[in-house]
Amino acid sequence: MGKCLLGNVVNEDLTTPDGEHTIYIDNVAIREVAAPPLVKADTTGNKIGQPLELSFEDSPDWRSAISQLTVDGVVADCGSSR
């Protein structure tokens, strides 16, 4: 991934105009990704050591992309309950 400077540039005698102007960007690829399903949170028994259940409308692609669950930055042990 690259970064682009889209501000005023001064290079010897060339200066980006202060007024409205057009910027052309070449060789750009935009990848559209589908929105993830809405995740429904568990609202009962939310205490440390108790099972946690998150549910969402099944999407095989999204389900298979889940690699881990973190709680406050700590990786949770999800066991084999996918």
C-alpha atoms as a PDB file:
ATOM      1  CA  MET A   1       0.000   0.000   0.000  1.00  0.00           C
ATOM      2  CA  GLY A   2       1.394   3.402  -0.928  1.00  0.00           C
ATOM      3  CA  LYS A   3       0.845   6.857   0.444  1.00  0.00           C
ATOM      4  CA  CYS A   4       0.054   9.955  -1.600  1.00  0.00           C
ATOM      5  CA  LEU A   5       0.606  13.582  -0.663  1.00  0.00           C
ATOM      6  CA  LEU A   6      -2.433  15.556  -1.768  1.00  0.00           C
ATOM      7  CA  GLY A   7      -1.451  18.974  -0.440  1.00  0.00           C
ATOM      8  CA  ASN A   8       0.244  22.034  -1.887  1.00  0.00           C
ATOM      9  CA  VAL A   9       3.612  21.226  -3.410  1.00  0.00           C
ATOM     10  CA  VAL A  10       6.377  23.708  -4.232  1.00  0.00           C
ATOM     11  CA  ASN A  11       9.057  22.437  -6.624  1.00  0.00           C
ATOM     12  CA  GLU A  12      11.272  25.238  -8.014  1.00  0.00           C
ATOM     13  CA  ASP A  13       8.989  27.281 -10.296  1.00  0.00           C
ATOM     14  CA  LEU A  14       6.049  24.833 -10.050  1.00  0.00           C
ATOM     15  CA  THR A  15       3.526  25.482  -7.291  1.00  0.00           C
ATOM     16  CA  THR A  16       0.164  23.819  -6.684  1.00  0.00           C
ATOM     17  CA  PRO A  17      -2.536  26.488  -7.168  1.00  0.00           C
ATOM     18  CA  ASP A  18      -4.266  27.788  -4.045  1.00  0.00           C
ATOM     19  CA  GLY A  19      -7.694  27.700  -5.712  1.00  0.00           C
ATOM     20  CA  GLU A  20      -9.843  24.775  -6.676  1.00  0.00           C
ATOM     21  CA  HIS A  21      -8.083  22.412  -9.064  1.00  0.00           C
ATOM     22  CA  THR A  22      -8.202  18.849 -10.376  1.00  0.00           C
ATOM     23  CA  ILE A  23      -5.898  16.087  -9.181  1.00  0.00           C
ATOM     24  CA  TYR A  24      -5.454  13.018 -11.396  1.00  0.00           C
ATOM     25  CA  ILE A  25      -4.524   9.712  -9.788  1.00  0.00           C
ATOM     26  CA  ASP A  26      -3.388   6.811 -11.958  1.00  0.00           C
ATOM     27  CA  ASN A  27      -2.969   3.066 -11.298  1.00  0.00           C
ATOM     28  CA  VAL A  28      -5.480   2.872  -8.456  1.00  0.00           C
ATOM     29  CA  ALA A  29      -7.353  -0.318  -7.635  1.00  0.00           C
ATOM     30  CA  ILE A  30     -10.304  -0.271  -5.265  1.00  0.00           C
ATOM     31  CA  ARG A  31     -11.524  -3.575  -3.904  1.00  0.00           C
ATOM     32  CA  GLU A  32     -15.126  -3.680  -2.817  1.00  0.00           C
ATOM     33  CA  VAL A  33     -15.846  -5.943   0.125  1.00  0.00           C
ATOM     34  CA  ALA A  34     -19.229  -7.054   1.337  1.00  0.00           C
ATOM     35  CA  ALA A  35     -20.400  -5.707   4.668  1.00  0.00           C
ATOM     36  CA  PRO A  36     -20.176  -8.224   7.504  1.00  0.00           C
ATOM     37  CA  PRO A  37     -23.417  -9.484   9.034  1.00  0.00           C
ATOM     38  CA  LEU A  38     -24.768  -7.751  12.122  1.00  0.00           C
ATOM     39  CA  VAL A  39     -23.454  -9.463  15.277  1.00  0.00           C
ATOM     40  CA  LYS A  40     -25.972  -9.883  18.099  1.00  0.00           C
ATOM     41  CA  ALA A  41     -24.324  -9.667  21.510  1.00  0.00           C
ATOM     42  CA  ASP A  42     -25.005 -12.014  24.411  1.00  0.00           C
ATOM     43  CA  THR A  43     -27.077 -10.155  27.023  1.00  0.00           C
ATOM     44  CA  THR A  44     -27.281 -12.788  29.772  1.00  0.00           C
ATOM     45  CA  GLY A  45     -24.764 -14.092  32.303  1.00  0.00           C
ATOM     46  CA  ASN A  46     -21.975 -11.754  31.215  1.00  0.00           C
ATOM     47  CA  LYS A  47     -19.434 -12.638  33.893  1.00  0.00           C
ATOM     48  CA  ILE A  48     -15.840 -13.823  33.677  1.00  0.00           C
ATOM     49  CA  GLY A  49     -15.692 -17.588  33.242  1.00  0.00           C
ATOM     50  CA  GLN A  50     -19.239 -17.850  31.857  1.00  0.00           C
ATOM     51  CA  PRO A  51     -19.953 -18.883  28.255  1.00  0.00           C
ATOM     52  CA  LEU A  52     -20.399 -16.036  25.795  1.00  0.00           C
ATOM     53  CA  GLU A  53     -22.635 -16.365  22.764  1.00  0.00           C
ATOM     54  CA  LEU A  54     -22.413 -14.105  19.739  1.00  0.00           C
ATOM     55  CA  SER A  55     -24.801 -14.773  16.896  1.00  0.00           C
ATOM     56  CA  PHE A  56     -25.108 -13.534  13.330  1.00  0.00           C
ATOM     57  CA  GLU A  57     -26.881 -14.516  10.137  1.00  0.00           C
ATOM     58  CA  ASP A  58     -24.778 -17.331   8.756  1.00  0.00           C
ATOM     59  CA  SER A  59     -22.357 -16.375   6.007  1.00  0.00           C
ATOM     60  CA  PRO A  60     -19.885 -19.164   5.180  1.00  0.00           C
ATOM     61  CA  ASP A  61     -17.301 -16.713   3.812  1.00  0.00           C
ATOM     62  CA  TRP A  62     -17.495 -14.455   6.864  1.00  0.00           C
ATOM     63  CA  ARG A  63     -17.624 -17.394   9.314  1.00  0.00           C
ATOM     64  CA  SER A  64     -14.515 -18.982   7.812  1.00  0.00           C
ATOM     65  CA  ALA A  65     -12.657 -15.655   7.960  1.00  0.00           C
ATOM     66  CA  ILE A  66     -12.990 -15.383  11.758  1.00  0.00           C
ATOM     67  CA  SER A  67      -9.577 -16.278  13.169  1.00  0.00           C
ATOM     68  CA  GLN A  68      -9.866 -15.133  16.780  1.00  0.00           C
ATOM     69  CA  LEU A  69     -11.947 -13.215  19.284  1.00  0.00           C
ATOM     70  CA  THR A  70     -10.401 -10.612  21.552  1.00  0.00           C
ATOM     71  CA  VAL A  71     -11.840  -9.037  24.693  1.00  0.00           C
ATOM     72  CA  ASP A  72     -10.154  -5.787  25.698  1.00  0.00           C
ATOM     73  CA  GLY A  73      -7.162  -6.781  23.545  1.00  0.00           C
ATOM     74  CA  VAL A  74      -6.795 -10.239  25.119  1.00  0.00           C
ATOM     75  CA  VAL A  75      -7.322 -13.264  22.853  1.00  0.00           C
ATOM     76  CA  ALA A  76     -10.238 -15.337  24.141  1.00  0.00           C
ATOM     77  CA  ASP A  77     -10.124 -19.132  24.211  1.00  0.00           C
ATOM     78  CA  CYS A  78     -13.093 -20.039  22.017  1.00  0.00           C
ATOM     79  CA  GLY A  79     -12.509 -23.788  22.103  1.00  0.00           C
ATOM     80  CA  SER A  80     -14.156 -25.665  19.254  1.00  0.00           C
ATOM     81  CA  SER A  81     -17.570 -24.002  19.413  1.00  0.00           C
ATOM     82  CA  ARG A  82     -17.582 -22.331  15.993  1.00  0.00           C
END
